[in-house]
Structure formats: structure tokens, C-alpha cells
Amino acid sequence: MARRLDTMQSGSSQYIYGYLKLCRDAGLSTTLVFTPRRSFGNLAWARVHPDFADVVDDIVWPQAARFGDLFISTSPKVWGRFLRRALFEMRRRMSSGESERVPSLLGKELSEDEAQEVMDLLAPLRANIVTAEYSSLGPLLSGAGDAFRVVFLHDLFSLRAESFLSSGGQPDHHVITMEEEVNRCRAADLLIHASCSEYTAMKAVFPQVEHVWMRPTVNVRDFDVSGGGKPHAVFMGSLHQGNIAALDFLRRKVWPLVRAEKPEARMHIVGTIASLVDREEAEREGLVLIGPVDDLSEIGGENAIGLAPMDLGSGIPIKIVDYLALRMPVVATSGALASFGGALDGLLLEPKDLQGCAAAILELLDDEDLRTRLSEGASAVRARLSNDSLIESLDPALTLVSDR
């Protein structure tokens, strides 16, 4: 790992949790290894969310002191980076103009010395399977000995960059080409993709290794959702660029069309993304700022219409799975569904353009029978997203484990 795992709110965290749980259910003993410095991000301390601790047997974080679930860096470089970030933030808050942008390390390979430190850890662990998260850690697999080598790809950074640039934005990560991304993964035996569309794209240019699409794990429990209250729309998300773009797309292009036809319509904004919306603007636009919730059953049910637009082709809209698991009728754009192939066909509404998106929301707000039908059909999502094919791809490594 080369990032923090202190929250389960992001789609990438839910995917890696699903993979770790799958490994545990297959009988594997798992050690979670963090990179010494990169994993702290812009802070010098971190906690590992209890859900991750539940599905691993050990956590190794070099150059960190552990106090229960709290890890504090002992690296001067990490503390120096934290102080620089604090100064950037202070400057941003004090300045009325443009402040200097803090560069993101997402997608960037480790420095040579940090990479070597991580590879030096691998030999004594004597792992049967070594999984590197993201292509940026793929080169570390060259030091994995005779272990079965996996790269888990939440994103192809090459395609993510193209998506940002084609939409007129700037990538929020280190930009690389597809050729460079493939080269990072040369040491792998298996590539696991979180997106069906990215699986197809990379398999076409890198057929030498096995590729498998990992369906998102339906982590939400069987909540008792009452579906009470008046019909309303819901947008749920954490703070990352894909969600920010999606919410902006809703507020500027789709929701005004809904409100023009139905002024009393309300959209609930759930999760940390709600912090970006001004309360006066929310009042004018018919938005209800819910923010983070501990119990997702509070937002579910047939009268809560989950919205999943995708303005930037980045990441996997895990919120669709959460909506369906909460028995919510869903409206999703074709861009959001491309990551799932045809696995969710018939379980939700898929308008082709923004006018169709507004029309679908209006139809669901007014049609109780349609809301009920889609809500009941959502129970099929678990069977649709089975990961039996991934287990089969890991079979050679599991056989190796049993032989040893």
C-alpha cells in the first residue's frame, strides 16, 4: 500500500477491502505492508480503519511507531512534508487570490530508496502471493522472489489522465502513458481491474499476462430500510475529483431541469462531499445537506432515488452498488455504467443524455410503482457481481499455498 486506509468512505477503500476479505475467505493469511513514507500522505500520523484490521493478520508500517491503531511516522522526511503542507494550507486560507497548488503523488512511482526499502521487506515475509496496489507499485514485484505476483488496478492512470484532459480539466495525479503503465506491470502474473472497461482496454495492449475484472463487493449489510418520507433524490460521495465533477454536473445541468418541472423537488447530499456546498445555495437549489452518516439505512429505501452521473471517466462509481444494496431505485449515466460491463442491465435507469437524466428523475419522483419495481429488483445485485472468476484466477497461487 502507498496510501492511507483510515476511512471506508472512498470507492478505492471499499475495493481493497473486498479483495482482502476475498483472500481471507480463501484461507490466506494476509500481511498489510505500507510504504514507509508515501503512505502517510500529507500527514505524519494515521489510523487503519477497523474494517481493514478485521480482514488481515498483521500490519507492517516501517519507520512508524504504533500505539494501538495509531501509527506515527518516525521519518524526518514525512514530518517535513507535513509542515510544508500546513504552510500551503495556511497560505491558501490567508490569501484571497490563487494559492499554490499542493502537488499530488497519486500515480507516481516511489523514489528509488523507498522502493528498495519495501522490496527488502518482502524476502523475510516469504509470501506466496504479493499484491501491489496500483501500477505505481507494480515495479516492486520484481523483488517478490518466486511468489505469485498481482497488481490490483483501481484506476489506469493513463486513461484517467485522458479523461480529465478531454473534459477540459487538469489531472489530479501523476500523468503517464498507457505504454508506461504497461511497463510498470511487466513483473506481474495477474492484473486485477476494478473497472470492466479498463480491463478491456489494458488487456488489448498487454495480452501477455492474465487479466480479470473484480466486481465490486456488496459490502452494505441487509439494512432495514423503511423507504419512508416523501420521494426525493440522493447523491452520495466522498471528497475526490470524480465526485466533485459529478455533483457539479448535477447542479449545473440536470437538477435545474428537474426543478423547472417540479420546484418542490429535493436532493439529499450525503457524505463528506456535502461540505463543499454553501448552505444558502443549497436552500435556493432544493438541496438538503446530510453529510456523513454512520447508519446508511437512514438514506435508503424505495423513496430515495440514487443518482450516479459521471462527468469525468475516472474511478469506479461504487455508490451505484451501495444504492442498489440499500434497495434504492437508481438513475445512472452510461459513463458510470461502463465500468460494470452489462452486469447491472435492467436493475436501474440509464438515460443517454442530460435531458433524459432529468426526465428519469422526474418519472421516479412521480411513479410509485416504478420505484417499487426497481427497489425490489436491486436484491439481484449480489448474484450479478459474483467474483468466482477472480477466485479461479488465483487458483495457481492457492494451490501453491496448499502444497507448501
Protein backbone atom coordinates (compact mmCIF):
# COMPACT_ATOMS: atom_id res chain seq x y z
CA MET A 1 0.00 0.00 0.00
CA ALA A 2 1.15 3.54 -0.71
CA ARG A 3 -1.80 5.43 0.74
CA ARG A 4 -3.80 5.86 3.90
CA LEU A 5 -6.53 3.41 4.90
CA ASP A 6 -8.18 5.40 7.66
CA THR A 7 -11.63 5.56 6.05
CA MET A 8 -14.06 3.25 4.31
CA GLN A 9 -15.90 6.10 2.59
CA SER A 10 -14.00 6.04 -0.71
CA GLY A 11 -14.62 3.59 -3.53
CA SER A 12 -10.95 2.57 -3.66
CA SER A 13 -11.02 1.65 0.04
CA GLN A 14 -14.13 -0.45 -0.46
CA TYR A 15 -12.49 -2.28 -3.36
CA ILE A 16 -9.30 -3.10 -1.49
CA TYR A 17 -11.39 -4.22 1.50
CA GLY A 18 -13.32 -6.54 -0.82
CA TYR A 19 -10.08 -8.01 -2.15
CA LEU A 20 -8.62 -8.53 1.32
CA LYS A 21 -11.84 -10.17 2.51
CA LEU A 22 -11.83 -12.43 -0.55
CA CYS A 23 -8.26 -13.50 0.30
CA ARG A 24 -9.22 -14.16 3.91
CA ASP A 25 -12.28 -16.21 2.86
CA ALA A 26 -9.96 -18.26 0.60
CA GLY A 27 -7.95 -19.26 3.70
CA LEU A 28 -4.98 -16.95 3.19
CA SER A 29 -3.08 -15.26 5.99
CA THR A 30 -2.55 -11.65 4.93
CA THR A 31 0.06 -9.09 5.96
CA LEU A 32 -0.70 -5.49 5.02
CA VAL A 33 2.55 -3.67 4.20
CA PHE A 34 2.57 0.12 4.00
CA THR A 35 5.31 2.08 2.28
CA PRO A 36 7.44 3.83 4.92
CA ARG A 37 6.79 7.43 3.87
CA ARG A 38 4.37 7.70 0.94
CA SER A 39 1.52 6.01 2.79
CA PHE A 40 1.20 8.85 5.31
CA GLY A 41 0.17 11.24 2.55
CA ASN A 42 0.33 14.84 3.76
CA LEU A 43 0.11 14.00 7.45
CA ALA A 44 2.61 12.38 9.81
CA TRP A 45 0.19 10.06 11.59
CA ALA A 46 -2.54 7.68 10.51
CA ARG A 47 -5.04 5.13 11.73
CA VAL A 48 -6.03 1.96 9.90
CA HIS A 49 -9.80 1.61 9.75
CA PRO A 50 -11.05 -1.30 11.90
CA ASP A 51 -12.68 -2.98 8.90
CA PHE A 52 -9.24 -3.48 7.33
CA ALA A 53 -7.74 -4.70 10.58
CA ASP A 54 -10.50 -7.32 10.74
CA VAL A 55 -9.50 -8.96 7.43
CA VAL A 56 -5.70 -9.03 7.82
CA ASP A 57 -3.45 -10.90 10.23
CA ASP A 58 -0.67 -8.36 10.56
CA ILE A 59 0.17 -4.75 9.65
CA VAL A 60 3.74 -3.71 8.85
CA TRP A 61 4.50 0.02 8.65
CA PRO A 62 8.25 0.69 8.54
CA GLN A 63 9.57 3.88 10.09
CA ALA A 64 6.44 4.25 12.19
CA ALA A 65 5.72 3.87 15.89
CA ARG A 66 2.49 2.06 16.68
CA PHE A 67 0.19 2.90 19.59
CA GLY A 68 -2.88 0.68 19.31
CA ASP A 69 -4.47 1.59 15.99
CA LEU A 70 -2.44 4.82 15.68
CA PHE A 71 0.74 4.92 13.57
CA ILE A 72 3.10 7.89 13.96
CA SER A 73 5.90 8.42 11.48
CA THR A 74 9.46 8.48 12.74
CA SER A 75 10.75 9.81 9.40
CA PRO A 76 12.01 13.42 9.26
CA LYS A 77 11.02 13.50 5.58
CA VAL A 78 7.39 12.78 6.45
CA TRP A 79 7.31 15.46 9.14
CA GLY A 80 8.96 17.92 6.76
CA ARG A 81 6.33 17.18 4.12
CA PHE A 82 3.58 17.65 6.71
CA LEU A 83 4.95 21.05 7.75
CA ARG A 84 5.16 22.17 4.11
CA ARG A 85 1.55 21.09 3.58
CA ALA A 86 0.48 23.01 6.68
CA LEU A 87 2.18 26.14 5.34
CA PHE A 88 0.45 25.69 1.97
CA GLU A 89 -2.91 25.43 3.71
CA MET A 90 -2.23 28.47 5.88
CA ARG A 91 -1.27 30.48 2.79
CA ARG A 92 -4.42 29.34 0.98
CA ARG A 93 -6.68 30.43 3.82
CA MET A 94 -4.99 33.81 4.22
CA SER A 95 -4.87 34.61 0.50
CA SER A 96 -7.86 35.99 -1.41
CA GLY A 97 -6.25 35.04 -4.74
CA GLU A 98 -4.95 31.80 -6.20
CA SER A 99 -2.76 29.87 -3.79
CA GLU A 100 -0.02 27.50 -4.78
CA ARG A 101 -1.33 24.05 -5.62
CA VAL A 102 -0.14 21.13 -3.50
CA PRO A 103 1.14 18.51 -5.94
CA SER A 104 -0.49 15.10 -5.77
CA LEU A 105 1.66 11.97 -5.63
CA LEU A 106 -1.18 9.72 -6.78
CA GLY A 107 0.10 7.55 -9.60
CA LYS A 108 3.77 8.43 -9.10
CA GLU A 109 6.29 5.65 -8.50
CA LEU A 110 8.19 5.52 -5.23
CA SER A 111 11.63 7.03 -5.00
CA GLU A 112 14.44 4.56 -5.60
CA ASP A 113 15.41 4.34 -1.93
CA GLU A 114 11.84 3.90 -0.64
CA ALA A 115 11.15 1.26 -3.29
CA GLN A 116 14.26 -0.65 -2.23
CA GLU A 117 13.23 -0.48 1.43
CA VAL A 118 9.88 -2.06 0.58
CA MET A 119 11.44 -4.78 -1.57
CA ASP A 120 13.86 -5.60 1.26
CA LEU A 121 10.81 -6.34 3.42
CA LEU A 122 9.39 -8.90 1.03
CA ALA A 123 12.03 -11.63 1.30
CA PRO A 124 11.71 -12.33 5.06
CA LEU A 125 7.89 -12.34 4.79
CA ARG A 126 8.11 -15.40 2.46
CA ALA A 127 4.76 -14.60 0.88
CA ASN A 128 3.06 -16.99 -1.54
CA ILE A 129 1.15 -14.12 -3.15
CA VAL A 130 2.33 -10.50 -3.33
CA THR A 131 -0.21 -7.88 -4.42
CA ALA A 132 0.83 -4.35 -5.34
CA GLU A 133 -1.94 -1.77 -5.29
CA TYR A 134 -1.96 0.49 -8.36
CA SER A 135 0.55 0.37 -11.22
CA SER A 136 2.78 2.83 -9.33
CA LEU A 137 3.77 -0.07 -7.04
CA GLY A 138 3.97 -2.64 -9.84
CA PRO A 139 7.78 -2.37 -10.19
CA LEU A 140 8.14 -3.61 -6.58
CA LEU A 141 7.05 -7.07 -7.71
CA SER A 142 10.47 -7.61 -9.26
CA GLY A 143 11.68 -8.19 -5.70
CA ALA A 144 8.96 -10.71 -4.83
CA GLY A 145 11.06 -13.83 -5.44
CA ASP A 146 9.02 -16.84 -6.62
CA ALA A 147 5.73 -15.53 -5.22
CA PHE A 148 2.63 -15.25 -7.40
CA ARG A 149 2.59 -11.57 -8.39
CA VAL A 150 -0.55 -9.46 -8.66
CA VAL A 151 -1.20 -5.80 -9.46
CA PHE A 152 -4.56 -4.50 -8.26
CA LEU A 153 -5.62 -1.63 -10.51
CA HIS A 154 -8.33 0.66 -9.17
CA ASP A 155 -7.50 3.08 -11.96
CA LEU A 156 -5.43 3.11 -15.10
CA PHE A 157 -3.70 6.44 -14.61
CA SER A 158 -3.10 6.73 -18.35
CA LEU A 159 -6.83 6.59 -19.13
CA ARG A 160 -7.69 8.73 -16.12
CA ALA A 161 -5.42 11.49 -17.45
CA GLU A 162 -7.03 11.31 -20.89
CA SER A 163 -10.46 11.66 -19.32
CA PHE A 164 -9.53 14.75 -17.32
CA LEU A 165 -7.86 16.43 -20.28
CA SER A 166 -10.70 15.67 -22.70
CA SER A 167 -13.13 17.28 -20.23
CA GLY A 168 -11.05 20.44 -20.09
CA GLY A 169 -9.63 19.75 -16.63
CA GLN A 170 -6.21 19.01 -15.25
CA PRO A 171 -5.40 15.50 -13.99
CA ASP A 172 -5.25 15.20 -10.20
CA HIS A 173 -2.42 12.69 -10.38
CA HIS A 174 0.93 11.93 -11.97
CA VAL A 175 0.38 11.65 -15.74
CA ILE A 176 1.74 8.65 -17.66
CA THR A 177 1.07 6.95 -20.98
CA MET A 178 -0.52 3.53 -21.45
CA GLU A 179 2.86 2.17 -22.58
CA GLU A 180 4.46 3.38 -19.34
CA GLU A 181 1.63 1.87 -17.31
CA VAL A 182 2.06 -1.49 -19.02
CA ASN A 183 5.82 -1.40 -18.37
CA ARG A 184 5.17 -0.87 -14.68
CA CYS A 185 3.24 -4.14 -14.59
CA ARG A 186 5.71 -6.33 -16.51
CA ALA A 187 6.64 -8.37 -13.42
CA ALA A 188 3.03 -9.39 -12.70
CA ASP A 189 1.43 -12.80 -13.23
CA LEU A 190 -2.09 -11.40 -12.88
CA LEU A 191 -3.68 -7.97 -13.26
CA ILE A 192 -6.91 -7.36 -11.33
CA HIS A 193 -9.00 -4.49 -12.68
CA ALA A 194 -11.74 -2.72 -10.73
CA SER A 195 -13.27 -1.45 -13.99
CA CYS A 196 -14.60 -3.68 -16.76
CA SER A 197 -13.85 -1.01 -19.37
CA GLU A 198 -10.25 -0.57 -18.15
CA TYR A 199 -9.85 -4.37 -18.07
CA THR A 200 -10.80 -4.44 -21.77
CA ALA A 201 -8.52 -1.53 -22.69
CA MET A 202 -5.37 -2.86 -20.99
CA LYS A 203 -5.89 -6.48 -21.99
CA ALA A 204 -5.89 -5.37 -25.64
CA VAL A 205 -2.41 -3.82 -25.37
CA PHE A 206 -0.91 -6.21 -22.78
CA PRO A 207 -2.15 -9.74 -23.51
CA GLN A 208 1.00 -11.45 -22.18
CA VAL A 209 -0.41 -11.75 -18.63
CA GLU A 210 -3.77 -12.81 -17.30
CA HIS A 211 -6.38 -10.10 -16.67
CA VAL A 212 -9.51 -10.39 -14.55
CA TRP A 213 -12.26 -7.94 -13.70
CA MET A 214 -13.05 -7.83 -9.97
CA ARG A 215 -16.69 -6.99 -9.43
CA PRO A 216 -17.29 -4.58 -6.56
CA THR A 217 -18.06 -6.37 -3.33
CA VAL A 218 -21.52 -5.59 -1.98
CA ASN A 219 -20.35 -4.58 1.49
CA VAL A 220 -23.55 -2.99 2.69
CA ARG A 221 -25.42 -5.27 5.07
CA ASP A 222 -29.10 -6.14 4.69
CA PHE A 223 -30.26 -2.91 6.24
CA ASP A 224 -33.81 -2.47 7.44
CA VAL A 225 -34.72 0.40 5.11
CA SER A 226 -38.24 1.67 5.53
CA GLY A 227 -38.43 3.83 2.42
CA GLY A 228 -40.30 6.40 4.48
CA GLY A 229 -40.61 10.09 3.76
CA LYS A 230 -41.52 11.85 0.55
CA PRO A 231 -39.80 10.71 -2.67
CA HIS A 232 -36.51 12.54 -3.11
CA ALA A 233 -33.19 12.25 -4.93
CA VAL A 234 -29.90 11.30 -3.24
CA PHE A 235 -26.30 11.95 -4.24
CA MET A 236 -23.73 10.22 -2.06
CA GLY A 237 -19.98 10.68 -2.23
CA SER A 238 -16.65 11.35 -0.60
CA LEU A 239 -14.34 14.23 -1.45
CA HIS A 240 -12.50 13.34 -4.64
CA GLN A 241 -12.33 14.91 -8.06
CA GLY A 242 -14.68 12.45 -9.78
CA ASN A 243 -17.44 13.06 -7.22
CA ILE A 244 -16.86 16.81 -7.28
CA ALA A 245 -17.27 16.83 -11.07
CA ALA A 246 -20.36 14.61 -10.85
CA LEU A 247 -22.08 16.82 -8.27
CA ASP A 248 -21.21 19.92 -10.28
CA PHE A 249 -22.71 18.25 -13.38
CA LEU A 250 -25.92 17.54 -11.44
CA ARG A 251 -26.21 21.04 -10.01
CA ARG A 252 -25.45 22.93 -13.21
CA LYS A 253 -27.07 20.79 -15.89
CA VAL A 254 -29.53 18.22 -14.57
CA TRP A 255 -31.10 19.37 -11.32
CA PRO A 256 -32.23 22.78 -12.71
CA LEU A 257 -34.24 20.87 -15.36
CA VAL A 258 -35.87 18.79 -12.62
CA ARG A 259 -36.70 21.85 -10.54
CA ALA A 260 -38.12 23.70 -13.54
CA GLU A 261 -40.77 20.97 -13.80
CA LYS A 262 -41.08 20.22 -10.11
CA PRO A 263 -40.00 23.18 -7.91
CA GLU A 264 -40.68 21.27 -4.69
CA ALA A 265 -38.18 18.50 -5.60
CA ARG A 266 -35.41 17.87 -3.09
CA MET A 267 -31.99 16.24 -3.46
CA HIS A 268 -30.14 14.99 -0.36
CA ILE A 269 -26.34 15.32 -0.43
CA VAL A 270 -24.80 12.55 1.69
CA GLY A 271 -21.16 12.09 2.66
CA THR A 272 -18.20 14.44 3.01
CA ILE A 273 -18.94 15.96 -0.42
CA ALA A 274 -21.74 17.92 1.29
CA SER A 275 -19.11 20.15 2.90
CA LEU A 276 -18.45 21.78 -0.48
CA VAL A 277 -21.99 23.13 -0.83
CA ASP A 278 -22.85 26.57 0.57
CA ARG A 279 -25.94 26.41 2.77
CA GLU A 280 -27.61 29.42 1.18
CA GLU A 281 -27.04 27.97 -2.29
CA ALA A 282 -28.41 24.63 -1.07
CA GLU A 283 -31.58 26.33 0.12
CA ARG A 284 -32.10 28.04 -3.23
CA GLU A 285 -31.42 24.85 -5.23
CA GLY A 286 -33.56 22.48 -3.19
CA LEU A 287 -30.58 20.62 -1.75
CA VAL A 288 -30.63 19.04 1.71
CA LEU A 289 -27.13 18.75 3.19
CA ILE A 290 -26.99 15.48 5.15
CA GLY A 291 -23.21 15.00 5.32
CA PRO A 292 -21.57 11.78 6.62
CA VAL A 293 -23.88 9.20 8.20
CA ASP A 294 -22.98 6.25 10.41
CA ASP A 295 -26.08 4.23 9.53
CA LEU A 296 -26.70 4.06 5.78
CA SER A 297 -30.20 2.74 6.36
CA GLU A 298 -31.11 6.35 7.11
CA ILE A 299 -30.77 7.19 3.41
CA GLY A 300 -32.12 4.02 1.79
CA GLY A 301 -35.43 2.62 0.64
CA GLU A 302 -37.67 2.94 -2.39
CA ASN A 303 -38.44 6.64 -1.88
CA ALA A 304 -34.75 7.57 -2.04
CA ILE A 305 -33.64 7.83 -5.69
CA GLY A 306 -29.89 7.30 -6.02
CA LEU A 307 -28.15 9.47 -8.62
CA ALA A 308 -24.90 8.34 -10.23
CA PRO A 309 -23.78 10.64 -13.03
CA MET A 310 -20.21 10.54 -14.30
CA ASP A 311 -18.86 13.69 -15.90
CA LEU A 312 -15.24 12.54 -15.67
CA GLY A 313 -14.42 8.99 -16.77
CA SER A 314 -12.43 8.38 -13.62
CA GLY A 315 -12.70 5.73 -10.98
CA ILE A 316 -15.47 3.26 -10.27
CA PRO A 317 -18.85 4.60 -9.09
CA ILE A 318 -19.13 2.25 -6.13
CA LYS A 319 -22.06 4.37 -4.98
CA ILE A 320 -24.21 2.54 -7.55
CA VAL A 321 -23.64 -0.73 -5.71
CA ASP A 322 -24.35 0.94 -2.37
CA TYR A 323 -27.59 2.42 -3.69
CA LEU A 324 -28.74 -0.95 -5.04
CA ALA A 325 -27.80 -2.78 -1.86
CA LEU A 326 -29.91 -0.23 0.05
CA ARG A 327 -32.85 -1.10 -2.21
CA MET A 328 -32.94 2.31 -3.81
CA PRO A 329 -34.11 2.97 -7.37
CA VAL A 330 -31.13 4.34 -9.32
CA VAL A 331 -30.54 6.72 -12.23
CA ALA A 332 -27.04 6.33 -13.70
CA THR A 333 -25.42 7.75 -16.83
CA SER A 334 -23.88 5.42 -19.40
CA GLY A 335 -20.41 6.68 -18.43
CA ALA A 336 -20.97 5.50 -14.88
CA LEU A 337 -22.19 2.07 -16.02
CA ALA A 338 -19.36 1.40 -18.48
CA SER A 339 -17.21 0.18 -15.59
CA PHE A 340 -19.69 -2.65 -14.93
CA GLY A 341 -20.00 -4.02 -18.45
CA GLY A 342 -23.57 -5.34 -18.70
CA ALA A 343 -23.69 -6.74 -15.16
CA LEU A 344 -26.31 -4.27 -13.93
CA ASP A 345 -28.55 -4.20 -17.01
CA GLY A 346 -32.22 -3.94 -16.06
CA LEU A 347 -31.60 -3.04 -12.42
CA LEU A 348 -31.67 0.74 -12.90
CA LEU A 349 -32.49 3.54 -15.33
CA GLU A 350 -29.77 4.53 -17.79
CA PRO A 351 -30.62 7.77 -19.63
CA LYS A 352 -28.47 8.71 -22.63
CA ASP A 353 -28.21 12.47 -22.12
CA LEU A 354 -28.82 15.15 -19.51
CA GLN A 355 -32.41 15.78 -20.66
CA GLY A 356 -33.06 12.05 -20.31
CA CYS A 357 -31.43 12.09 -16.89
CA ALA A 358 -33.76 14.84 -15.68
CA ALA A 359 -36.76 13.04 -17.21
CA ALA A 360 -35.81 9.78 -15.46
CA ILE A 361 -35.56 11.53 -12.09
CA LEU A 362 -38.93 13.20 -12.61
CA GLU A 363 -40.52 9.89 -13.61
CA LEU A 364 -39.24 8.18 -10.47
CA LEU A 365 -40.36 11.04 -8.24
CA ASP A 366 -43.92 10.65 -9.56
CA ASP A 367 -44.22 6.90 -10.25
CA GLU A 368 -44.51 4.82 -7.08
CA ASP A 369 -44.90 1.54 -8.99
CA LEU A 370 -41.64 2.12 -10.90
CA ARG A 371 -39.79 2.99 -7.70
CA THR A 372 -41.09 -0.18 -6.07
CA ARG A 373 -40.17 -2.38 -9.05
CA LEU A 374 -36.60 -1.08 -9.21
CA SER A 375 -36.23 -1.27 -5.45
CA GLU A 376 -37.27 -4.93 -5.41
CA GLY A 377 -35.02 -5.77 -8.38
CA ALA A 378 -31.99 -4.37 -6.59
CA SER A 379 -31.82 -7.54 -4.49
CA ALA A 380 -30.23 -9.26 -7.52
CA VAL A 381 -27.08 -7.16 -7.31
CA ARG A 382 -25.16 -9.64 -5.15
CA ALA A 383 -25.62 -12.51 -7.58
CA ARG A 384 -24.81 -10.25 -10.55
CA LEU A 385 -21.48 -9.25 -9.01
CA SER A 386 -20.06 -12.65 -8.12
CA ASN A 387 -16.25 -12.87 -8.11
CA ASP A 388 -15.93 -16.59 -8.85
CA SER A 389 -13.76 -15.80 -11.88
CA LEU A 390 -11.27 -13.97 -9.68
CA ILE A 391 -11.02 -16.95 -7.34
CA GLU A 392 -10.31 -19.14 -10.36
CA SER A 393 -7.51 -16.76 -11.45
CA LEU A 394 -5.91 -17.06 -8.01
CA ASP A 395 -6.13 -20.88 -8.10
CA PRO A 396 -2.47 -21.39 -9.13
CA ALA A 397 -1.32 -19.40 -6.14
CA LEU A 398 -3.81 -21.09 -3.77
CA THR A 399 -2.62 -24.49 -4.97
CA LEU A 400 0.96 -23.39 -4.30
CA VAL A 401 -0.03 -22.38 -0.77
CA SER A 402 -1.65 -25.76 -0.06
CA ASP A 403 1.37 -27.62 -1.49
CA ARG A 404 3.74 -25.75 0.80
